[in-house]
């Protein structure tokens, strides 16, 4: 492509396939193309984000559910504020005859500030829940963009007011953190905290998984875990094993890891529990079996249909995986 623009790229069928990981040939072509033309990397990334945003738009049903949830949250917050005001007002009225006007005025000012601060603390945080099978984009007030993976729970303030920017994650996501040297960005999970200034990385920290992983694409991050600290450089991944309570740093395939943010699953000697957790999030399915299932599965799953995945598991293990409605039945072969 000569002199690419966002409009040209999002209209190009092979580029769309590359963004959605639908064609290995197109992915190889565009990976090679932008490496040979690094001057266009910003245009390519902007176009890629545009394609993903267009694809990931929620359904009308999901939009209405989220709209109702946020509306209920606002109404509940308003009721709580009014309740605090009523509770605070009655003692003031009873004591009005015993206090000087100046003292009353000061107390009203002070308590009003406390109410405002408490109310802000209660209504400022937004909880974003991502259904299985879905990927969602969230734009934070500071310009940070987060691409949340299926089955994630992400909590963030509507506006960052303190000297640090703090969010909470139970799940996975691709983070592009807006640079602000005066306000470090901190992601809190069950096991670790990730501190950054401005960078991009993948993070997988589901509470139910046995491993937490942070894979850094560019910039620098500081991992804080169990009283220890670990700094990452681009191309390095931090892995925390919850079972053995051990951590290590390793290099990773940047091209493959970028595909993870588009839905690629990577298994390395994964047991049945790990396979079911990840496939449940990707395909939104349930599992049923009355026998112990022991497998060690290695491989990658990208845009394959669920039927193809289950057939592959059947051919490579000692078990038969069959789909009935939205439930996978596992039986001995």
C-alpha atoms as a PDB file:
ATOM      1  CA  UNK A   1       0.000   0.000   0.000  1.00  0.00           C
ATOM      2  CA  UNK A   2       1.301   3.441  -0.982  1.00  0.00           C
ATOM      3  CA  UNK A   3       0.765   6.465   1.294  1.00  0.00           C
ATOM      4  CA  UNK A   4      -1.661   4.693   3.666  1.00  0.00           C
ATOM      5  CA  UNK A   5      -4.358   6.586   5.543  1.00  0.00           C
ATOM      6  CA  UNK A   6      -6.843   5.402   8.155  1.00  0.00           C
ATOM      7  CA  UNK A   7      -9.609   5.529   5.550  1.00  0.00           C
ATOM      8  CA  UNK A   8      -7.620   3.419   3.082  1.00  0.00           C
ATOM      9  CA  UNK A   9      -6.654   0.840   5.674  1.00  0.00           C
ATOM     10  CA  UNK A  10     -10.090   0.227   7.183  1.00  0.00           C
ATOM     11  CA  UNK A  11     -11.446  -0.193   3.630  1.00  0.00           C
ATOM     12  CA  UNK A  12      -8.823  -2.817   2.783  1.00  0.00           C
ATOM     13  CA  UNK A  13     -10.193  -6.369   3.151  1.00  0.00           C
ATOM     14  CA  UNK A  14      -6.805  -7.932   3.956  1.00  0.00           C
ATOM     15  CA  UNK A  15      -6.085  -5.292   6.624  1.00  0.00           C
ATOM     16  CA  UNK A  16      -9.434  -5.988   8.297  1.00  0.00           C
ATOM     17  CA  UNK A  17      -8.593  -9.717   8.289  1.00  0.00           C
ATOM     18  CA  UNK A  18      -5.251  -8.848   9.880  1.00  0.00           C
ATOM     19  CA  UNK A  19      -6.935  -6.825  12.642  1.00  0.00           C
ATOM     20  CA  UNK A  20      -9.408  -9.613  13.373  1.00  0.00           C
ATOM     21  CA  UNK A  21      -6.815 -12.421  13.009  1.00  0.00           C
ATOM     22  CA  UNK A  22      -8.971 -14.132  10.372  1.00  0.00           C
ATOM     23  CA  UNK A  23      -6.164 -14.980   7.949  1.00  0.00           C
ATOM     24  CA  UNK A  24      -2.648 -16.184   8.726  1.00  0.00           C
ATOM     25  CA  UNK A  25      -1.519 -15.004   5.294  1.00  0.00           C
ATOM     26  CA  UNK A  26      -2.875 -11.466   5.815  1.00  0.00           C
ATOM     27  CA  UNK A  27      -1.451 -11.343   9.341  1.00  0.00           C
ATOM     28  CA  UNK A  28       1.996 -12.313   8.086  1.00  0.00           C
ATOM     29  CA  UNK A  29       1.798  -9.738   5.285  1.00  0.00           C
ATOM     30  CA  UNK A  30       0.832  -6.801   7.501  1.00  0.00           C
ATOM     31  CA  UNK A  31       3.246  -7.733  10.314  1.00  0.00           C
ATOM     32  CA  UNK A  32       6.024  -7.685   7.717  1.00  0.00           C
ATOM     33  CA  UNK A  33       4.665  -4.491   6.081  1.00  0.00           C
ATOM     34  CA  UNK A  34       4.579  -2.268   9.150  1.00  0.00           C
ATOM     35  CA  UNK A  35       7.985  -3.516  10.282  1.00  0.00           C
ATOM     36  CA  UNK A  36       9.359  -2.343   6.907  1.00  0.00           C
ATOM     37  CA  UNK A  37       7.460   0.962   7.187  1.00  0.00           C
ATOM     38  CA  UNK A  38       7.780   2.010  10.860  1.00  0.00           C
ATOM     39  CA  UNK A  39       6.990   5.614   9.910  1.00  0.00           C
ATOM     40  CA  UNK A  40       3.345   4.558   9.435  1.00  0.00           C
ATOM     41  CA  UNK A  41       2.973   2.647  12.718  1.00  0.00           C
ATOM     42  CA  UNK A  42       0.745   5.338  14.285  1.00  0.00           C
ATOM     43  CA  UNK A  43      -1.593   5.314  11.270  1.00  0.00           C
ATOM     44  CA  UNK A  44      -1.731   1.509  11.278  1.00  0.00           C
ATOM     45  CA  UNK A  45      -2.493   1.379  15.000  1.00  0.00           C
ATOM     46  CA  UNK A  46      -5.211   4.048  14.722  1.00  0.00           C
ATOM     47  CA  UNK A  47      -6.841   2.138  11.863  1.00  0.00           C
ATOM     48  CA  UNK A  48      -6.575  -1.153  13.764  1.00  0.00           C
ATOM     49  CA  UNK A  49      -8.299   0.352  16.806  1.00  0.00           C
ATOM     50  CA  UNK A  50     -11.016   1.739  14.522  1.00  0.00           C
ATOM     51  CA  UNK A  51     -11.687  -1.718  13.052  1.00  0.00           C
ATOM     52  CA  UNK A  52     -11.856  -3.290  16.520  1.00  0.00           C
ATOM     53  CA  UNK A  53     -14.191  -0.596  17.831  1.00  0.00           C
ATOM     54  CA  UNK A  54     -16.556  -1.132  14.907  1.00  0.00           C
ATOM     55  CA  UNK A  55     -16.542  -4.894  15.435  1.00  0.00           C
ATOM     56  CA  UNK A  56     -16.902  -4.792  19.225  1.00  0.00           C
ATOM     57  CA  UNK A  57     -19.994  -2.610  19.412  1.00  0.00           C
ATOM     58  CA  UNK A  58     -22.433  -4.069  21.977  1.00  0.00           C
ATOM     59  CA  UNK A  59     -25.770  -5.462  20.904  1.00  0.00           C
ATOM     60  CA  UNK A  60     -28.922  -3.450  21.579  1.00  0.00           C
ATOM     61  CA  UNK A  61     -29.819  -5.835  24.418  1.00  0.00           C
ATOM     62  CA  UNK A  62     -26.392  -5.417  26.051  1.00  0.00           C
ATOM     63  CA  UNK A  63     -26.627  -1.643  25.653  1.00  0.00           C
ATOM     64  CA  UNK A  64     -30.008  -1.550  27.406  1.00  0.00           C
ATOM     65  CA  UNK A  65     -28.763  -3.763  30.256  1.00  0.00           C
ATOM     66  CA  UNK A  66     -25.746  -1.512  30.820  1.00  0.00           C
ATOM     67  CA  UNK A  67     -27.895   1.634  30.572  1.00  0.00           C
ATOM     68  CA  UNK A  68     -30.316   0.272  33.210  1.00  0.00           C
ATOM     69  CA  UNK A  69     -27.435  -0.707  35.513  1.00  0.00           C
ATOM     70  CA  UNK A  70     -25.865   2.745  35.372  1.00  0.00           C
ATOM     71  CA  UNK A  71     -29.237   4.461  35.859  1.00  0.00           C
ATOM     72  CA  UNK A  72     -29.972   2.350  38.946  1.00  0.00           C
ATOM     73  CA  UNK A  73     -26.506   3.177  40.266  1.00  0.00           C
ATOM     74  CA  UNK A  74     -27.139   6.924  39.914  1.00  0.00           C
ATOM     75  CA  UNK A  75     -30.600   6.729  41.511  1.00  0.00           C
ATOM     76  CA  UNK A  76     -29.245   4.704  44.449  1.00  0.00           C
ATOM     77  CA  UNK A  77     -26.451   7.233  44.952  1.00  0.00           C
ATOM     78  CA  UNK A  78     -28.920  10.156  44.976  1.00  0.00           C
ATOM     79  CA  UNK A  79     -31.065   8.416  47.604  1.00  0.00           C
ATOM     80  CA  UNK A  80     -27.993   7.785  49.777  1.00  0.00           C
ATOM     81  CA  UNK A  81     -26.924  11.447  49.610  1.00  0.00           C
ATOM     82  CA  UNK A  82     -30.441  12.629  50.570  1.00  0.00           C
ATOM     83  CA  UNK A  83     -30.466  10.173  53.489  1.00  0.00           C
ATOM     84  CA  UNK A  84     -27.132  11.547  54.763  1.00  0.00           C
ATOM     85  CA  UNK A  85     -28.460  15.112  54.525  1.00  0.00           C
ATOM     86  CA  UNK A  86     -31.630  14.248  56.494  1.00  0.00           C
ATOM     87  CA  UNK A  87     -29.619  12.483  59.201  1.00  0.00           C
ATOM     88  CA  UNK A  88     -27.255  15.401  59.483  1.00  0.00           C
ATOM     89  CA  UNK A  89     -29.937  18.118  59.427  1.00  0.00           C
ATOM     90  CA  UNK A  90     -32.022  16.888  62.382  1.00  0.00           C
ATOM     91  CA  UNK A  91     -29.252  17.198  65.044  1.00  0.00           C
ATOM     92  CA  UNK A  92     -28.408  20.655  63.745  1.00  0.00           C
ATOM     93  CA  UNK A  93     -32.027  21.823  64.146  1.00  0.00           C
ATOM     94  CA  UNK A  94     -32.214  20.493  67.700  1.00  0.00           C
ATOM     95  CA  UNK A  95     -28.992  22.202  68.705  1.00  0.00           C
ATOM     96  CA  UNK A  96     -29.582  25.462  66.839  1.00  0.00           C
ATOM     97  CA  UNK A  97     -30.643  27.376  69.938  1.00  0.00           C
ATOM     98  CA  UNK A  98     -27.469  26.439  71.840  1.00  0.00           C
ATOM     99  CA  UNK A  99     -24.844  27.324  69.247  1.00  0.00           C
ATOM    100  CA  UNK A 100     -23.516  30.616  68.000  1.00  0.00           C
ATOM    101  CA  UNK A 101     -24.373  31.520  64.422  1.00  0.00           C
ATOM    102  CA  UNK A 102     -20.709  31.492  63.464  1.00  0.00           C
ATOM    103  CA  UNK A 103     -20.186  28.012  64.886  1.00  0.00           C
ATOM    104  CA  UNK A 104     -23.233  26.688  63.057  1.00  0.00           C
ATOM    105  CA  UNK A 105     -22.060  28.207  59.801  1.00  0.00           C
ATOM    106  CA  UNK A 106     -18.633  26.603  60.182  1.00  0.00           C
ATOM    107  CA  UNK A 107     -20.101  23.208  61.022  1.00  0.00           C
ATOM    108  CA  UNK A 108     -22.489  23.357  58.069  1.00  0.00           C
ATOM    109  CA  UNK A 109     -19.598  24.204  55.758  1.00  0.00           C
ATOM    110  CA  UNK A 110     -17.428  21.454  57.214  1.00  0.00           C
ATOM    111  CA  UNK A 111     -20.088  18.753  57.158  1.00  0.00           C
ATOM    112  CA  UNK A 112     -21.209  19.712  53.648  1.00  0.00           C
ATOM    113  CA  UNK A 113     -17.652  19.186  52.454  1.00  0.00           C
ATOM    114  CA  UNK A 114     -17.557  15.807  54.216  1.00  0.00           C
ATOM    115  CA  UNK A 115     -20.849  14.803  52.572  1.00  0.00           C
ATOM    116  CA  UNK A 116     -19.563  15.847  49.157  1.00  0.00           C
ATOM    117  CA  UNK A 117     -16.314  13.937  49.674  1.00  0.00           C
ATOM    118  CA  UNK A 118     -18.129  10.826  50.931  1.00  0.00           C
ATOM    119  CA  UNK A 119     -20.654  10.999  48.118  1.00  0.00           C
ATOM    120  CA  UNK A 120     -17.862  11.348  45.562  1.00  0.00           C
ATOM    121  CA  UNK A 121     -16.129   8.309  47.033  1.00  0.00           C
ATOM    122  CA  UNK A 122     -19.339   6.300  46.648  1.00  0.00           C
ATOM    123  CA  UNK A 123     -20.491   7.371  43.189  1.00  0.00           C
ATOM    124  CA  UNK A 124     -17.192   8.039  41.405  1.00  0.00           C
ATOM    125  CA  UNK A 125     -16.235   4.413  40.691  1.00  0.00           C
ATOM    126  CA  UNK A 126     -17.619   2.575  37.682  1.00  0.00           C
ATOM    127  CA  UNK A 127     -17.758  -1.236  37.556  1.00  0.00           C
ATOM    128  CA  UNK A 128     -17.514  -2.634  34.031  1.00  0.00           C
ATOM    129  CA  UNK A 129     -18.397  -6.309  33.608  1.00  0.00           C
ATOM    130  CA  UNK A 130     -17.580  -7.987  30.289  1.00  0.00           C
ATOM    131  CA  UNK A 131     -19.767 -10.965  29.319  1.00  0.00           C
ATOM    132  CA  UNK A 132     -18.236 -14.171  28.023  1.00  0.00           C
ATOM    133  CA  UNK A 133     -17.670 -14.141  24.234  1.00  0.00           C
ATOM    134  CA  UNK A 134     -17.325 -10.338  24.230  1.00  0.00           C
ATOM    135  CA  UNK A 135     -14.425  -7.857  24.097  1.00  0.00           C
ATOM    136  CA  UNK A 136     -15.060  -4.297  25.291  1.00  0.00           C
ATOM    137  CA  UNK A 137     -13.160  -1.028  24.922  1.00  0.00           C
ATOM    138  CA  UNK A 138     -13.100   1.484  27.779  1.00  0.00           C
ATOM    139  CA  UNK A 139     -11.715   5.023  27.461  1.00  0.00           C
ATOM    140  CA  UNK A 140     -10.708   6.524  30.811  1.00  0.00           C
ATOM    141  CA  UNK A 141     -10.855  10.221  31.682  1.00  0.00           C
ATOM    142  CA  UNK A 142      -7.060  10.633  31.409  1.00  0.00           C
ATOM    143  CA  UNK A 143      -6.917   9.325  27.832  1.00  0.00           C
ATOM    144  CA  UNK A 144      -5.946   5.757  28.759  1.00  0.00           C
ATOM    145  CA  UNK A 145      -7.620   3.108  26.583  1.00  0.00           C
ATOM    146  CA  UNK A 146      -8.314  -0.412  27.858  1.00  0.00           C
ATOM    147  CA  UNK A 147      -9.400  -3.346  25.728  1.00  0.00           C
ATOM    148  CA  UNK A 148     -11.040  -5.780  28.149  1.00  0.00           C
ATOM    149  CA  UNK A 149     -11.023  -9.533  27.491  1.00  0.00           C
ATOM    150  CA  UNK A 150     -14.104 -11.787  27.883  1.00  0.00           C
ATOM    151  CA  UNK A 151     -15.261 -12.484  31.437  1.00  0.00           C
ATOM    152  CA  UNK A 152     -13.379  -9.518  32.932  1.00  0.00           C
ATOM    153  CA  UNK A 153     -14.426  -7.202  35.759  1.00  0.00           C
ATOM    154  CA  UNK A 154     -12.847  -3.741  35.664  1.00  0.00           C
ATOM    155  CA  UNK A 155     -13.370  -0.919  38.187  1.00  0.00           C
ATOM    156  CA  UNK A 156     -12.223   2.628  37.549  1.00  0.00           C
ATOM    157  CA  UNK A 157     -13.050   6.184  38.708  1.00  0.00           C
ATOM    158  CA  UNK A 158     -15.046   8.449  36.455  1.00  0.00           C
ATOM    159  CA  UNK A 159     -12.301  11.046  36.978  1.00  0.00           C
ATOM    160  CA  UNK A 160      -8.809  10.839  38.490  1.00  0.00           C
ATOM    161  CA  UNK A 161      -8.473  13.421  41.244  1.00  0.00           C
ATOM    162  CA  UNK A 162      -5.532  12.316  43.404  1.00  0.00           C
ATOM    163  CA  UNK A 163      -1.808  12.225  42.727  1.00  0.00           C
ATOM    164  CA  UNK A 164      -2.095   8.663  41.397  1.00  0.00           C
ATOM    165  CA  UNK A 165      -4.427   6.939  38.941  1.00  0.00           C
ATOM    166  CA  UNK A 166      -5.710   3.678  40.438  1.00  0.00           C
ATOM    167  CA  UNK A 167      -7.955   1.006  38.885  1.00  0.00           C
ATOM    168  CA  UNK A 168      -8.889  -2.571  39.784  1.00  0.00           C
ATOM    169  CA  UNK A 169      -8.875  -5.619  37.511  1.00  0.00           C
ATOM    170  CA  UNK A 170     -10.218  -9.145  37.825  1.00  0.00           C
ATOM    171  CA  UNK A 171      -9.652 -10.447  34.327  1.00  0.00           C
ATOM    172  CA  UNK A 172      -7.548  -9.535  31.321  1.00  0.00           C
ATOM    173  CA  UNK A 173      -6.972  -6.602  29.044  1.00  0.00           C
ATOM    174  CA  UNK A 174      -4.699  -4.678  26.722  1.00  0.00           C
ATOM    175  CA  UNK A 175      -3.718  -1.339  28.273  1.00  0.00           C
ATOM    176  CA  UNK A 176      -2.527   1.782  26.472  1.00  0.00           C
ATOM    177  CA  UNK A 177      -1.794   4.095  29.384  1.00  0.00           C
ATOM    178  CA  UNK A 178      -1.682   7.838  28.770  1.00  0.00           C
ATOM    179  CA  UNK A 179       1.629   9.321  29.924  1.00  0.00           C
ATOM    180  CA  UNK A 180       1.499  11.547  33.014  1.00  0.00           C
ATOM    181  CA  UNK A 181       4.737  11.718  34.983  1.00  0.00           C
ATOM    182  CA  UNK A 182       2.982  13.451  37.874  1.00  0.00           C
ATOM    183  CA  UNK A 183       0.332  10.743  38.232  1.00  0.00           C
ATOM    184  CA  UNK A 184       1.496   7.104  38.111  1.00  0.00           C
ATOM    185  CA  UNK A 185      -1.105   4.617  36.831  1.00  0.00           C
ATOM    186  CA  UNK A 186      -1.611   1.593  39.123  1.00  0.00           C
ATOM    187  CA  UNK A 187      -3.608  -1.550  38.339  1.00  0.00           C
ATOM    188  CA  UNK A 188      -4.586  -3.545  41.432  1.00  0.00           C
ATOM    189  CA  UNK A 189      -5.348  -7.268  41.172  1.00  0.00           C
ATOM    190  CA  UNK A 190      -5.820 -10.026  43.734  1.00  0.00           C
ATOM    191  CA  UNK A 191      -2.110 -10.894  43.718  1.00  0.00           C
ATOM    192  CA  UNK A 192      -0.097  -8.019  42.228  1.00  0.00           C
ATOM    193  CA  UNK A 193      -0.064  -4.301  41.522  1.00  0.00           C
ATOM    194  CA  UNK A 194       1.290  -2.904  38.252  1.00  0.00           C
ATOM    195  CA  UNK A 195       2.658   0.659  38.319  1.00  0.00           C
ATOM    196  CA  UNK A 196       3.238   2.520  35.021  1.00  0.00           C
ATOM    197  CA  UNK A 197       3.585   6.070  33.711  1.00  0.00           C
ATOM    198  CA  UNK A 198       2.754   5.608  30.034  1.00  0.00           C
ATOM    199  CA  UNK A 199       3.088   2.360  28.135  1.00  0.00           C
ATOM    200  CA  UNK A 200       1.232  -0.542  26.474  1.00  0.00           C
ATOM    201  CA  UNK A 201       0.979  -4.119  27.671  1.00  0.00           C
ATOM    202  CA  UNK A 202      -1.235  -7.175  27.960  1.00  0.00           C
ATOM    203  CA  UNK A 203      -2.354  -8.235  31.412  1.00  0.00           C
ATOM    204  CA  UNK A 204      -4.171 -11.405  32.452  1.00  0.00           C
ATOM    205  CA  UNK A 205      -5.140 -11.531  36.117  1.00  0.00           C
ATOM    206  CA  UNK A 206      -8.366 -13.481  36.515  1.00  0.00           C
ATOM    207  CA  UNK A 207      -9.007 -14.293  40.185  1.00  0.00           C
ATOM    208  CA  UNK A 208     -10.029 -17.837  39.214  1.00  0.00           C
ATOM    209  CA  UNK A 209      -6.877 -18.567  37.163  1.00  0.00           C
ATOM    210  CA  UNK A 210      -3.718 -20.109  38.587  1.00  0.00           C
ATOM    211  CA  UNK A 211      -1.416 -17.593  36.907  1.00  0.00           C
ATOM    212  CA  UNK A 212      -1.086 -13.829  36.582  1.00  0.00           C
ATOM    213  CA  UNK A 213       0.771 -12.505  33.538  1.00  0.00           C
ATOM    214  CA  UNK A 214       1.945  -9.066  32.422  1.00  0.00           C
ATOM    215  CA  UNK A 215       3.526  -8.844  28.933  1.00  0.00           C
ATOM    216  CA  UNK A 216       5.132  -5.472  28.116  1.00  0.00           C
ATOM    217  CA  UNK A 217       5.179  -4.137  24.537  1.00  0.00           C
ATOM    218  CA  UNK A 218       6.784  -0.733  25.140  1.00  0.00           C
ATOM    219  CA  UNK A 219       7.639   1.639  27.968  1.00  0.00           C
ATOM    220  CA  UNK A 220       8.387   0.353  31.461  1.00  0.00           C
ATOM    221  CA  UNK A 221       6.319  -1.107  34.293  1.00  0.00           C
ATOM    222  CA  UNK A 222       7.001  -1.924  37.916  1.00  0.00           C
ATOM    223  CA  UNK A 223       5.373  -5.071  39.314  1.00  0.00           C
ATOM    224  CA  UNK A 224       4.719  -5.118  43.072  1.00  0.00           C
ATOM    225  CA  UNK A 225       3.916  -8.523  44.529  1.00  0.00           C
ATOM    226  CA  UNK A 226       4.060  -9.854  48.081  1.00  0.00           C
ATOM    227  CA  UNK A 227       6.511  -7.215  49.268  1.00  0.00           C
ATOM    228  CA  UNK A 228       8.799  -7.571  46.246  1.00  0.00           C
ATOM    229  CA  UNK A 229       9.295  -5.460  43.121  1.00  0.00           C
ATOM    230  CA  UNK A 230      10.167  -6.374  39.539  1.00  0.00           C
ATOM    231  CA  UNK A 231      10.807  -3.955  36.670  1.00  0.00           C
ATOM    232  CA  UNK A 232       9.979  -5.061  33.113  1.00  0.00           C
ATOM    233  CA  UNK A 233      11.494  -3.935  29.829  1.00  0.00           C
ATOM    234  CA  UNK A 234       9.797  -4.244  26.410  1.00  0.00           C
ATOM    235  CA  UNK A 235       9.632  -7.869  25.270  1.00  0.00           C
ATOM    236  CA  UNK A 236       9.591  -9.215  28.830  1.00  0.00           C
ATOM    237  CA  UNK A 237       6.709 -10.913  30.606  1.00  0.00           C
ATOM    238  CA  UNK A 238       6.166 -11.291  34.344  1.00  0.00           C
ATOM    239  CA  UNK A 239       4.460 -14.502  35.454  1.00  0.00           C
ATOM    240  CA  UNK A 240       3.171 -15.203  38.958  1.00  0.00           C
ATOM    241  CA  UNK A 241       2.204 -18.802  39.770  1.00  0.00           C
ATOM    242  CA  UNK A 242      -0.475 -18.778  42.473  1.00  0.00           C
ATOM    243  CA  UNK A 243      -0.087 -22.475  43.222  1.00  0.00           C
ATOM    244  CA  UNK A 244       3.675 -22.509  43.849  1.00  0.00           C
ATOM    245  CA  UNK A 245       3.691 -18.841  44.980  1.00  0.00           C
ATOM    246  CA  UNK A 246       6.649 -18.182  42.689  1.00  0.00           C
ATOM    247  CA  UNK A 247       7.441 -15.534  40.078  1.00  0.00           C
ATOM    248  CA  UNK A 248       9.734 -15.343  37.085  1.00  0.00           C
ATOM    249  CA  UNK A 249      10.425 -13.130  34.070  1.00  0.00           C
ATOM    250  CA  UNK A 250      10.709 -14.469  30.524  1.00  0.00           C
ATOM    251  CA  UNK A 251      10.841 -13.151  26.961  1.00  0.00           C
ATOM    252  CA  UNK A 252       7.834 -13.631  24.687  1.00  0.00           C
ATOM    253  CA  UNK A 253       6.798 -13.622  21.029  1.00  0.00           C
ATOM    254  CA  UNK A 254       5.551 -10.043  20.526  1.00  0.00           C
ATOM    255  CA  UNK A 255       3.589 -10.881  17.364  1.00  0.00           C
ATOM    256  CA  UNK A 256       1.782 -13.771  19.054  1.00  0.00           C
ATOM    257  CA  UNK A 257       1.114 -11.788  22.226  1.00  0.00           C
ATOM    258  CA  UNK A 258      -0.501  -8.998  20.220  1.00  0.00           C
ATOM    259  CA  UNK A 259      -2.899 -11.596  18.828  1.00  0.00           C
ATOM    260  CA  UNK A 260      -3.854 -12.519  22.396  1.00  0.00           C
ATOM    261  CA  UNK A 261      -5.567  -9.134  22.714  1.00  0.00           C
ATOM    262  CA  UNK A 262      -7.639 -10.103  19.644  1.00  0.00           C
ATOM    263  CA  UNK A 263      -8.835 -13.374  21.162  1.00  0.00           C
ATOM    264  CA  UNK A 264      -5.951 -15.821  20.626  1.00  0.00           C
ATOM    265  CA  UNK A 265      -5.682 -18.485  23.362  1.00  0.00           C
ATOM    266  CA  UNK A 266      -2.298 -20.078  24.056  1.00  0.00           C
ATOM    267  CA  UNK A 267      -2.108 -23.355  25.990  1.00  0.00           C
ATOM    268  CA  UNK A 268       1.065 -24.954  27.317  1.00  0.00           C
ATOM    269  CA  UNK A 269       0.442 -28.310  29.013  1.00  0.00           C
ATOM    270  CA  UNK A 270      -2.890 -26.965  30.265  1.00  0.00           C
ATOM    271  CA  UNK A 271      -5.031 -29.195  32.486  1.00  0.00           C
ATOM    272  CA  UNK A 272      -8.777 -29.665  32.107  1.00  0.00           C
ATOM    273  CA  UNK A 273      -9.658 -26.858  34.544  1.00  0.00           C
ATOM    274  CA  UNK A 274      -7.565 -24.286  32.681  1.00  0.00           C
ATOM    275  CA  UNK A 275      -8.904 -25.363  29.280  1.00  0.00           C
ATOM    276  CA  UNK A 276     -12.523 -25.116  30.451  1.00  0.00           C
ATOM    277  CA  UNK A 277     -11.996 -21.704  32.067  1.00  0.00           C
ATOM    278  CA  UNK A 278     -10.511 -20.160  28.954  1.00  0.00           C
ATOM    279  CA  UNK A 279     -12.928 -21.770  26.491  1.00  0.00           C
ATOM    280  CA  UNK A 280     -15.872 -20.747  28.674  1.00  0.00           C
ATOM    281  CA  UNK A 281     -14.802 -17.113  28.481  1.00  0.00           C
ATOM    282  CA  UNK A 282     -14.140 -17.256  24.744  1.00  0.00           C
ATOM    283  CA  UNK A 283     -17.253 -19.177  23.644  1.00  0.00           C
ATOM    284  CA  UNK A 284     -19.712 -18.639  26.531  1.00  0.00           C
ATOM    285  CA  UNK A 285     -20.364 -22.350  27.192  1.00  0.00           C
ATOM    286  CA  UNK A 286     -20.985 -24.705  30.125  1.00  0.00           C
ATOM    287  CA  UNK A 287     -19.357 -28.052  30.873  1.00  0.00           C
ATOM    288  CA  UNK A 288     -20.806 -31.335  32.086  1.00  0.00           C
ATOM    289  CA  UNK A 289     -19.043 -34.554  33.031  1.00  0.00           C
ATOM    290  CA  UNK A 290     -19.392 -37.261  35.659  1.00  0.00           C
ATOM    291  CA  UNK A 291     -15.850 -38.593  35.330  1.00  0.00           C
ATOM    292  CA  UNK A 292     -12.454 -37.161  36.310  1.00  0.00           C
ATOM    293  CA  UNK A 293     -10.834 -35.606  33.236  1.00  0.00           C
ATOM    294  CA  UNK A 294      -7.040 -35.555  33.064  1.00  0.00           C
ATOM    295  CA  UNK A 295      -5.469 -33.881  30.035  1.00  0.00           C
ATOM    296  CA  UNK A 296      -2.333 -31.901  29.191  1.00  0.00           C
ATOM    297  CA  UNK A 297      -3.254 -29.746  26.226  1.00  0.00           C
ATOM    298  CA  UNK A 298      -0.808 -27.590  24.246  1.00  0.00           C
ATOM    299  CA  UNK A 299      -1.610 -25.438  21.240  1.00  0.00           C
ATOM    300  CA  UNK A 300      -3.278 -22.213  20.127  1.00  0.00           C
ATOM    301  CA  UNK A 301      -6.912 -21.395  19.405  1.00  0.00           C
ATOM    302  CA  UNK A 302      -7.720 -18.274  17.410  1.00  0.00           C
ATOM    303  CA  UNK A 303     -10.800 -17.839  15.206  1.00  0.00           C
ATOM    304  CA  UNK A 304     -11.742 -21.526  15.035  1.00  0.00           C
ATOM    305  CA  UNK A 305     -15.374 -22.474  15.551  1.00  0.00           C
ATOM    306  CA  UNK A 306     -16.294 -24.173  18.822  1.00  0.00           C
ATOM    307  CA  UNK A 307     -17.120 -27.378  16.938  1.00  0.00           C
ATOM    308  CA  UNK A 308     -13.613 -27.451  15.429  1.00  0.00           C
ATOM    309  CA  UNK A 309     -12.045 -26.893  18.841  1.00  0.00           C
ATOM    310  CA  UNK A 310     -14.043 -29.709  20.432  1.00  0.00           C
ATOM    311  CA  UNK A 311     -13.170 -32.049  17.544  1.00  0.00           C
ATOM    312  CA  UNK A 312      -9.500 -31.220  18.027  1.00  0.00           C
ATOM    313  CA  UNK A 313      -9.729 -31.981  21.746  1.00  0.00           C
ATOM    314  CA  UNK A 314     -11.455 -35.270  20.958  1.00  0.00           C
ATOM    315  CA  UNK A 315      -8.746 -36.308  18.472  1.00  0.00           C
ATOM    316  CA  UNK A 316      -5.826 -35.381  20.730  1.00  0.00           C
ATOM    317  CA  UNK A 317      -7.071 -36.684  24.101  1.00  0.00           C
ATOM    318  CA  UNK A 318      -8.681 -39.817  25.515  1.00  0.00           C
ATOM    319  CA  UNK A 319     -12.054 -38.113  25.846  1.00  0.00           C
ATOM    320  CA  UNK A 320     -14.987 -37.250  23.603  1.00  0.00           C
ATOM    321  CA  UNK A 321     -16.232 -33.640  23.652  1.00  0.00           C
ATOM    322  CA  UNK A 322     -19.731 -33.073  22.253  1.00  0.00           C
ATOM    323  CA  UNK A 323     -21.865 -29.907  22.210  1.00  0.00           C
ATOM    324  CA  UNK A 324     -25.540 -29.952  23.165  1.00  0.00           C
ATOM    325  CA  UNK A 325     -27.095 -26.492  23.004  1.00  0.00           C
ATOM    326  CA  UNK A 326     -24.658 -24.396  25.097  1.00  0.00           C
ATOM    327  CA  UNK A 327     -23.253 -27.291  27.166  1.00  0.00           C
ATOM    328  CA  UNK A 328     -20.191 -29.413  26.374  1.00  0.00           C
ATOM    329  CA  UNK A 329     -20.469 -33.031  27.518  1.00  0.00           C
ATOM    330  CA  UNK A 330     -17.186 -34.816  28.242  1.00  0.00           C
ATOM    331  CA  UNK A 331     -17.120 -38.630  28.090  1.00  0.00           C
ATOM    332  CA  UNK A 332     -14.431 -41.289  28.015  1.00  0.00           C
ATOM    333  CA  UNK A 333     -13.464 -42.377  24.490  1.00  0.00           C
END
